[in-house]
Amino acid sequence: SCLMKTRSSQPAFVFRTIGIVAQVISVLIIIGL
């Protein structure tokens, strides 16, 4: 599956993790604003 491919590839996993973390941080900043 596409999700398992992303987890098995280190560059893809790093980029995807950064995107998810950015989503969470943006939501927290929006709530604070």
PDB file of all heavy atoms in Angstrom:
ATOM      1  N   SER A   1       0.834  -1.205   0.000  1.00  0.00           N
ATOM      2  CA  SER A   1       0.000   0.000   0.000  1.00  0.00           C
ATOM      3  C   SER A   1       0.866   1.252   0.000  1.00  0.00           C
ATOM      4  O   SER A   1       2.038   1.237   0.365  1.00  0.00           O
ATOM      5  CB  SER A   1      -0.910  -0.004   1.231  1.00  0.00           C
ATOM      6  OG  SER A   1      -0.138   0.129   2.414  1.00  0.00           O
ATOM      7  N   CYS A   2       0.238   2.366  -0.398  1.00  0.00           N
ATOM      8  CA  CYS A   2       0.971   3.630  -0.483  1.00  0.00           C
ATOM      9  C   CYS A   2       1.473   4.065   0.889  1.00  0.00           C
ATOM     10  O   CYS A   2       2.581   4.601   1.014  1.00  0.00           O
ATOM     11  CB  CYS A   2       0.065   4.706  -1.090  1.00  0.00           C
ATOM     12  SG  CYS A   2       0.878   6.284  -1.416  1.00  0.00           S
ATOM     13  N   LEU A   3       0.666   3.830   1.919  1.00  0.00           N
ATOM     14  CA  LEU A   3       1.088   4.213   3.266  1.00  0.00           C
ATOM     15  C   LEU A   3       2.301   3.423   3.714  1.00  0.00           C
ATOM     16  O   LEU A   3       3.246   3.971   4.292  1.00  0.00           O
ATOM     17  CB  LEU A   3      -0.074   4.024   4.240  1.00  0.00           C
ATOM     18  CG  LEU A   3       0.189   4.402   5.695  1.00  0.00           C
ATOM     19  CD1 LEU A   3       0.528   5.892   5.806  1.00  0.00           C
ATOM     20  CD2 LEU A   3      -1.017   4.064   6.563  1.00  0.00           C
ATOM     21  N   MET A   4       2.323   2.113   3.441  1.00  0.00           N
ATOM     22  CA  MET A   4       3.461   1.285   3.833  1.00  0.00           C
ATOM     23  C   MET A   4       4.704   1.636   3.027  1.00  0.00           C
ATOM     24  O   MET A   4       5.825   1.575   3.540  1.00  0.00           O
ATOM     25  CB  MET A   4       3.112  -0.194   3.658  1.00  0.00           C
ATOM     26  CG  MET A   4       1.951  -0.663   4.535  1.00  0.00           C
ATOM     27  SD  MET A   4       2.203  -0.320   6.294  1.00  0.00           S
ATOM     28  CE  MET A   4       3.628  -1.343   6.621  1.00  0.00           C
ATOM     29  N   LYS A   5       4.511   2.048   1.762  1.00  0.00           N
ATOM     30  CA  LYS A   5       5.657   2.489   0.965  1.00  0.00           C
ATOM     31  C   LYS A   5       6.281   3.740   1.576  1.00  0.00           C
ATOM     32  O   LYS A   5       7.515   3.867   1.652  1.00  0.00           O
ATOM     33  CB  LYS A   5       5.208   2.794  -0.462  1.00  0.00           C
ATOM     34  CG  LYS A   5       4.772   1.598  -1.269  1.00  0.00           C
ATOM     35  CD  LYS A   5       4.306   2.057  -2.645  1.00  0.00           C
ATOM     36  CE  LYS A   5       3.743   0.907  -3.452  1.00  0.00           C
ATOM     37  NZ  LYS A   5       3.244   1.367  -4.769  1.00  0.00           N
ATOM     38  N   THR A   6       5.431   4.661   2.014  1.00  0.00           N
ATOM     39  CA  THR A   6       5.937   5.903   2.604  1.00  0.00           C
ATOM     40  C   THR A   6       6.687   5.623   3.898  1.00  0.00           C
ATOM     41  O   THR A   6       7.720   6.250   4.184  1.00  0.00           O
ATOM     42  CB  THR A   6       4.768   6.865   2.871  1.00  0.00           C
ATOM     43  OG1 THR A   6       4.031   7.063   1.665  1.00  0.00           O
ATOM     44  CG2 THR A   6       5.264   8.207   3.372  1.00  0.00           C
ATOM     45  N   ARG A   7       6.187   4.674   4.676  1.00  0.00           N
ATOM     46  CA  ARG A   7       6.861   4.344   5.935  1.00  0.00           C
ATOM     47  C   ARG A   7       8.196   3.652   5.701  1.00  0.00           C
ATOM     48  O   ARG A   7       9.126   3.816   6.498  1.00  0.00           O
ATOM     49  CB  ARG A   7       5.960   3.453   6.780  1.00  0.00           C
ATOM     50  CG  ARG A   7       4.736   4.159   7.345  1.00  0.00           C
ATOM     51  CD  ARG A   7       3.864   3.192   8.124  1.00  0.00           C
ATOM     52  NE  ARG A   7       2.724   3.850   8.752  1.00  0.00           N
ATOM     53  CZ  ARG A   7       1.777   3.223   9.440  1.00  0.00           C
ATOM     54  NH1 ARG A   7       1.848   1.903   9.590  1.00  0.00           N
ATOM     55  NH2 ARG A   7       0.779   3.892   9.969  1.00  0.00           N
ATOM     56  N   SER A   8       8.296   2.878   4.648  1.00  0.00           N
ATOM     57  CA  SER A   8       9.529   2.122   4.398  1.00  0.00           C
ATOM     58  C   SER A   8      10.620   2.974   3.767  1.00  0.00           C
ATOM     59  O   SER A   8      11.798   2.592   3.815  1.00  0.00           O
ATOM     60  CB  SER A   8       9.233   0.928   3.488  1.00  0.00           C
ATOM     61  OG  SER A   8       8.700   1.375   2.242  1.00  0.00           O
ATOM     62  N   SER A   9      10.273   4.098   3.171  1.00  0.00           N
ATOM     63  CA  SER A   9      11.261   4.982   2.559  1.00  0.00           C
ATOM     64  C   SER A   9      11.584   6.111   3.533  1.00  0.00           C
ATOM     65  O   SER A   9      10.696   6.876   3.930  1.00  0.00           O
ATOM     66  CB  SER A   9      10.719   5.555   1.249  1.00  0.00           C
ATOM     67  OG  SER A   9      11.607   6.502   0.695  1.00  0.00           O
ATOM     68  N   GLN A  10      12.857   6.227   3.918  1.00  0.00           N
ATOM     69  CA  GLN A  10      13.225   7.216   4.924  1.00  0.00           C
ATOM     70  C   GLN A  10      12.999   8.659   4.465  1.00  0.00           C
ATOM     71  O   GLN A  10      12.423   9.454   5.206  1.00  0.00           O
ATOM     72  CB  GLN A  10      14.691   7.012   5.345  1.00  0.00           C
ATOM     73  CG  GLN A  10      15.129   7.954   6.474  1.00  0.00           C
ATOM     74  CD  GLN A  10      16.533   7.656   6.946  1.00  0.00           C
ATOM     75  OE1 GLN A  10      17.196   6.755   6.422  1.00  0.00           O
ATOM     76  NE2 GLN A  10      16.999   8.399   7.952  1.00  0.00           N
ATOM     77  N   PRO A  11      13.422   9.058   3.246  1.00  0.00           N
ATOM     78  CA  PRO A  11      13.157  10.449   2.833  1.00  0.00           C
ATOM     79  C   PRO A  11      11.671  10.769   2.773  1.00  0.00           C
ATOM     80  O   PRO A  11      11.235  11.838   3.233  1.00  0.00           O
ATOM     81  CB  PRO A  11      13.816  10.535   1.455  1.00  0.00           C
ATOM     82  CG  PRO A  11      14.826   9.448   1.435  1.00  0.00           C
ATOM     83  CD  PRO A  11      14.244   8.355   2.257  1.00  0.00           C
ATOM     84  N   ALA A  12      10.883   9.857   2.213  1.00  0.00           N
ATOM     85  CA  ALA A  12       9.447  10.085   2.122  1.00  0.00           C
ATOM     86  C   ALA A  12       8.810  10.158   3.504  1.00  0.00           C
ATOM     87  O   ALA A  12       7.930  11.003   3.754  1.00  0.00           O
ATOM     88  CB  ALA A  12       8.790   8.981   1.292  1.00  0.00           C
ATOM     89  N   PHE A  13       9.248   9.287   4.400  1.00  0.00           N
ATOM     90  CA  PHE A  13       8.692   9.291   5.759  1.00  0.00           C
ATOM     91  C   PHE A  13       9.021  10.589   6.486  1.00  0.00           C
ATOM     92  O   PHE A  13       8.185  11.149   7.191  1.00  0.00           O
ATOM     93  CB  PHE A  13       9.240   8.087   6.533  1.00  0.00           C
ATOM     94  CG  PHE A  13       8.727   8.005   7.939  1.00  0.00           C
ATOM     95  CD1 PHE A  13       7.441   7.581   8.193  1.00  0.00           C
ATOM     96  CD2 PHE A  13       9.550   8.348   9.012  1.00  0.00           C
ATOM     97  CE1 PHE A  13       6.963   7.500   9.497  1.00  0.00           C
ATOM     98  CE2 PHE A  13       9.086   8.277  10.308  1.00  0.00           C
ATOM     99  CZ  PHE A  13       7.791   7.846  10.551  1.00  0.00           C
ATOM    100  N   VAL A  14      10.240  11.106   6.296  1.00  0.00           N
ATOM    101  CA  VAL A  14      10.634  12.351   6.955  1.00  0.00           C
ATOM    102  C   VAL A  14       9.807  13.519   6.439  1.00  0.00           C
ATOM    103  O   VAL A  14       9.274  14.326   7.219  1.00  0.00           O
ATOM    104  CB  VAL A  14      12.142  12.613   6.743  1.00  0.00           C
ATOM    105  CG1 VAL A  14      12.511  14.015   7.222  1.00  0.00           C
ATOM    106  CG2 VAL A  14      12.964  11.571   7.482  1.00  0.00           C
ATOM    107  N   PHE A  15       9.681  13.619   5.122  1.00  0.00           N
ATOM    108  CA  PHE A  15       8.897  14.715   4.550  1.00  0.00           C
ATOM    109  C   PHE A  15       7.440  14.639   4.995  1.00  0.00           C
ATOM    110  O   PHE A  15       6.827  15.652   5.338  1.00  0.00           O
ATOM    111  CB  PHE A  15       8.980  14.680   3.018  1.00  0.00           C
ATOM    112  CG  PHE A  15      10.265  15.207   2.465  1.00  0.00           C
ATOM    113  CD1 PHE A  15      10.962  14.487   1.505  1.00  0.00           C
ATOM    114  CD2 PHE A  15      10.797  16.414   2.902  1.00  0.00           C
ATOM    115  CE1 PHE A  15      12.153  14.960   0.988  1.00  0.00           C
ATOM    116  CE2 PHE A  15      11.989  16.903   2.392  1.00  0.00           C
ATOM    117  CZ  PHE A  15      12.672  16.170   1.433  1.00  0.00           C
ATOM    118  N   ARG A  16       6.877  13.427   4.980  1.00  0.00           N
ATOM    119  CA  ARG A  16       5.465  13.281   5.362  1.00  0.00           C
ATOM    120  C   ARG A  16       5.263  13.602   6.839  1.00  0.00           C
ATOM    121  O   ARG A  16       4.252  14.194   7.214  1.00  0.00           O
ATOM    122  CB  ARG A  16       4.988  11.860   5.067  1.00  0.00           C
ATOM    123  CG  ARG A  16       3.485  11.713   5.072  1.00  0.00           C
ATOM    124  CD  ARG A  16       2.881  12.401   3.872  1.00  0.00           C
ATOM    125  NE  ARG A  16       1.426  12.447   3.992  1.00  0.00           N
ATOM    126  CZ  ARG A  16       0.759  13.493   4.453  1.00  0.00           C
ATOM    127  NH1 ARG A  16       1.398  14.576   4.857  1.00  0.00           N
ATOM    128  NH2 ARG A  16      -0.550  13.466   4.505  1.00  0.00           N
ATOM    129  N   THR A  17       6.207  13.206   7.674  1.00  0.00           N
ATOM    130  CA  THR A  17       6.102  13.513   9.102  1.00  0.00           C
ATOM    131  C   THR A  17       6.172  15.009   9.355  1.00  0.00           C
ATOM    132  O   THR A  17       5.423  15.548  10.185  1.00  0.00           O
ATOM    133  CB  THR A  17       7.219  12.796   9.874  1.00  0.00           C
ATOM    134  OG1 THR A  17       7.146  11.387   9.626  1.00  0.00           O
ATOM    135  CG2 THR A  17       7.086  13.047  11.367  1.00  0.00           C
ATOM    136  N   ILE A  18       7.058  15.690   8.643  1.00  0.00           N
ATOM    137  CA  ILE A  18       7.142  17.151   8.778  1.00  0.00           C
ATOM    138  C   ILE A  18       5.820  17.804   8.391  1.00  0.00           C
ATOM    139  O   ILE A  18       5.361  18.740   9.049  1.00  0.00           O
ATOM    140  CB  ILE A  18       8.303  17.690   7.925  1.00  0.00           C
ATOM    141  CG1 ILE A  18       9.635  17.218   8.473  1.00  0.00           C
ATOM    142  CG2 ILE A  18       8.265  19.217   7.881  1.00  0.00           C
ATOM    143  CD1 ILE A  18      10.821  17.591   7.610  1.00  0.00           C
ATOM    144  N   GLY A  19       5.197  17.313   7.330  1.00  0.00           N
ATOM    145  CA  GLY A  19       3.902  17.862   6.925  1.00  0.00           C
ATOM    146  C   GLY A  19       2.827  17.670   7.975  1.00  0.00           C
ATOM    147  O   GLY A  19       2.034  18.586   8.255  1.00  0.00           O
ATOM    148  N   ILE A  20       2.780  16.480   8.583  1.00  0.00           N
ATOM    149  CA  ILE A  20       1.772  16.219   9.619  1.00  0.00           C
ATOM    150  C   ILE A  20       2.016  17.083  10.847  1.00  0.00           C
ATOM    151  O   ILE A  20       1.081  17.655  11.437  1.00  0.00           O
ATOM    152  CB  ILE A  20       1.780  14.723   9.982  1.00  0.00           C
ATOM    153  CG1 ILE A  20       1.333  13.889   8.782  1.00  0.00           C
ATOM    154  CG2 ILE A  20       0.869  14.457  11.173  1.00  0.00           C
ATOM    155  CD1 ILE A  20       1.447  12.391   9.004  1.00  0.00           C
ATOM    156  N   VAL A  21       3.285  17.203  11.247  1.00  0.00           N
ATOM    157  CA  VAL A  21       3.614  18.051  12.400  1.00  0.00           C
ATOM    158  C   VAL A  21       3.248  19.508  12.112  1.00  0.00           C
ATOM    159  O   VAL A  21       2.713  20.227  12.983  1.00  0.00           O
ATOM    160  CB  VAL A  21       5.110  17.916  12.748  1.00  0.00           C
ATOM    161  CG1 VAL A  21       5.509  18.936  13.814  1.00  0.00           C
ATOM    162  CG2 VAL A  21       5.411  16.505  13.238  1.00  0.00           C
ATOM    163  N   ALA A  22       3.498  19.972  10.897  1.00  0.00           N
ATOM    164  CA  ALA A  22       3.129  21.336  10.533  1.00  0.00           C
ATOM    165  C   ALA A  22       1.620  21.539  10.594  1.00  0.00           C
ATOM    166  O   ALA A  22       1.149  22.609  11.012  1.00  0.00           O
ATOM    167  CB  ALA A  22       3.655  21.658   9.137  1.00  0.00           C
ATOM    168  N   GLN A  23       0.856  20.540  10.195  1.00  0.00           N
ATOM    169  CA  GLN A  23      -0.602  20.634  10.303  1.00  0.00           C
ATOM    170  C   GLN A  23      -1.029  20.803  11.758  1.00  0.00           C
ATOM    171  O   GLN A  23      -1.872  21.653  12.070  1.00  0.00           O
ATOM    172  CB  GLN A  23      -1.256  19.379   9.719  1.00  0.00           C
ATOM    173  CG  GLN A  23      -1.422  19.404   8.207  1.00  0.00           C
ATOM    174  CD  GLN A  23      -2.148  18.172   7.718  1.00  0.00           C
ATOM    175  OE1 GLN A  23      -1.562  17.111   7.548  1.00  0.00           O
ATOM    176  NE2 GLN A  23      -3.431  18.312   7.482  1.00  0.00           N
ATOM    177  N   VAL A  24      -0.474  19.988  12.630  1.00  0.00           N
ATOM    178  CA  VAL A  24      -0.836  20.068  14.050  1.00  0.00           C
ATOM    179  C   VAL A  24      -0.461  21.426  14.634  1.00  0.00           C
ATOM    180  O   VAL A  24      -1.251  22.061  15.355  1.00  0.00           O
ATOM    181  CB  VAL A  24      -0.167  18.925  14.830  1.00  0.00           C
ATOM    182  CG1 VAL A  24      -0.438  19.064  16.318  1.00  0.00           C
ATOM    183  CG2 VAL A  24      -0.651  17.567  14.325  1.00  0.00           C
ATOM    184  N   ILE A  25       0.738  21.911  14.310  1.00  0.00           N
ATOM    185  CA  ILE A  25       1.177  23.204  14.837  1.00  0.00           C
ATOM    186  C   ILE A  25       0.300  24.334  14.303  1.00  0.00           C
ATOM    187  O   ILE A  25      -0.053  25.258  15.045  1.00  0.00           O
ATOM    188  CB  ILE A  25       2.656  23.438  14.480  1.00  0.00           C
ATOM    189  CG1 ILE A  25       3.539  22.432  15.209  1.00  0.00           C
ATOM    190  CG2 ILE A  25       3.078  24.859  14.833  1.00  0.00           C
ATOM    191  CD1 ILE A  25       5.008  22.527  14.838  1.00  0.00           C
ATOM    192  N   SER A  26      -0.051  24.272  13.032  1.00  0.00           N
ATOM    193  CA  SER A  26      -0.908  25.316  12.465  1.00  0.00           C
ATOM    194  C   SER A  26      -2.272  25.346  13.140  1.00  0.00           C
ATOM    195  O   SER A  26      -2.824  26.427  13.402  1.00  0.00           O
ATOM    196  CB  SER A  26      -1.070  25.103  10.960  1.00  0.00           C
ATOM    197  OG  SER A  26      -1.745  23.882  10.681  1.00  0.00           O
ATOM    198  N   VAL A  27      -2.816  24.174  13.457  1.00  0.00           N
ATOM    199  CA  VAL A  27      -4.113  24.130  14.153  1.00  0.00           C
ATOM    200  C   VAL A  27      -3.997  24.767  15.538  1.00  0.00           C
ATOM    201  O   VAL A  27      -4.872  25.549  15.953  1.00  0.00           O
ATOM    202  CB  VAL A  27      -4.614  22.678  14.251  1.00  0.00           C
ATOM    203  CG1 VAL A  27      -5.812  22.585  15.190  1.00  0.00           C
ATOM    204  CG2 VAL A  27      -4.985  22.146  12.879  1.00  0.00           C
ATOM    205  N   LEU A  28      -2.922  24.475  16.250  1.00  0.00           N
ATOM    206  CA  LEU A  28      -2.735  25.063  17.579  1.00  0.00           C
ATOM    207  C   LEU A  28      -2.579  26.582  17.493  1.00  0.00           C
ATOM    208  O   LEU A  28      -3.138  27.328  18.318  1.00  0.00           O
ATOM    209  CB  LEU A  28      -1.508  24.444  18.251  1.00  0.00           C
ATOM    210  CG  LEU A  28      -1.595  22.939  18.562  1.00  0.00           C
ATOM    211  CD1 LEU A  28      -0.287  22.444  19.155  1.00  0.00           C
ATOM    212  CD2 LEU A  28      -2.762  22.637  19.479  1.00  0.00           C
ATOM    213  N   ILE A  29      -1.842  27.055  16.499  1.00  0.00           N
ATOM    214  CA  ILE A  29      -1.675  28.507  16.337  1.00  0.00           C
ATOM    215  C   ILE A  29      -3.001  29.162  15.986  1.00  0.00           C
ATOM    216  O   ILE A  29      -3.331  30.253  16.483  1.00  0.00           O
ATOM    217  CB  ILE A  29      -0.617  28.801  15.262  1.00  0.00           C
ATOM    218  CG1 ILE A  29       0.754  28.299  15.715  1.00  0.00           C
ATOM    219  CG2 ILE A  29      -0.547  30.297  14.967  1.00  0.00           C
ATOM    220  CD1 ILE A  29       1.835  28.460  14.669  1.00  0.00           C
ATOM    221  N   ILE A  30      -3.791  28.514  15.135  1.00  0.00           N
ATOM    222  CA  ILE A  30      -5.107  29.057  14.762  1.00  0.00           C
ATOM    223  C   ILE A  30      -5.998  29.183  15.986  1.00  0.00           C
ATOM    224  O   ILE A  30      -6.673  30.204  16.185  1.00  0.00           O
ATOM    225  CB  ILE A  30      -5.758  28.165  13.688  1.00  0.00           C
ATOM    226  CG1 ILE A  30      -5.010  28.302  12.358  1.00  0.00           C
ATOM    227  CG2 ILE A  30      -7.230  28.535  13.500  1.00  0.00           C
ATOM    228  CD1 ILE A  30      -5.442  27.299  11.317  1.00  0.00           C
ATOM    229  N   ILE A  31      -6.013  28.155  16.821  1.00  0.00           N
ATOM    230  CA  ILE A  31      -6.839  28.208  18.035  1.00  0.00           C
ATOM    231  C   ILE A  31      -6.382  29.346  18.941  1.00  0.00           C
ATOM    232  O   ILE A  31      -7.205  30.095  19.497  1.00  0.00           O
ATOM    233  CB  ILE A  31      -6.769  26.851  18.765  1.00  0.00           C
ATOM    234  CG1 ILE A  31      -7.415  25.751  17.915  1.00  0.00           C
ATOM    235  CG2 ILE A  31      -7.465  26.946  20.127  1.00  0.00           C
ATOM    236  CD1 ILE A  31      -7.263  24.360  18.490  1.00  0.00           C
ATOM    237  N   GLY A  32      -5.069  29.510  19.101  1.00  0.00           N
ATOM    238  CA  GLY A  32      -4.563  30.605  19.926  1.00  0.00           C
ATOM    239  C   GLY A  32      -4.921  31.975  19.366  1.00  0.00           C
ATOM    240  O   GLY A  32      -5.330  32.876  20.113  1.00  0.00           O
ATOM    241  N   LEU A  33      -4.806  32.152  18.054  1.00  0.00           N
ATOM    242  CA  LEU A  33      -5.159  33.437  17.441  1.00  0.00           C
ATOM    243  C   LEU A  33      -6.654  33.711  17.556  1.00  0.00           C
ATOM    244  O   LEU A  33      -7.074  34.856  17.795  1.00  0.00           O
ATOM    245  CB  LEU A  33      -4.728  33.443  15.972  1.00  0.00           C
ATOM    246  CG  LEU A  33      -3.214  33.486  15.711  1.00  0.00           C
ATOM    247  CD1 LEU A  33      -2.924  33.383  14.222  1.00  0.00           C
ATOM    248  CD2 LEU A  33      -2.619  34.773  16.263  1.00  0.00           C
TER     249      LEU A  33
END
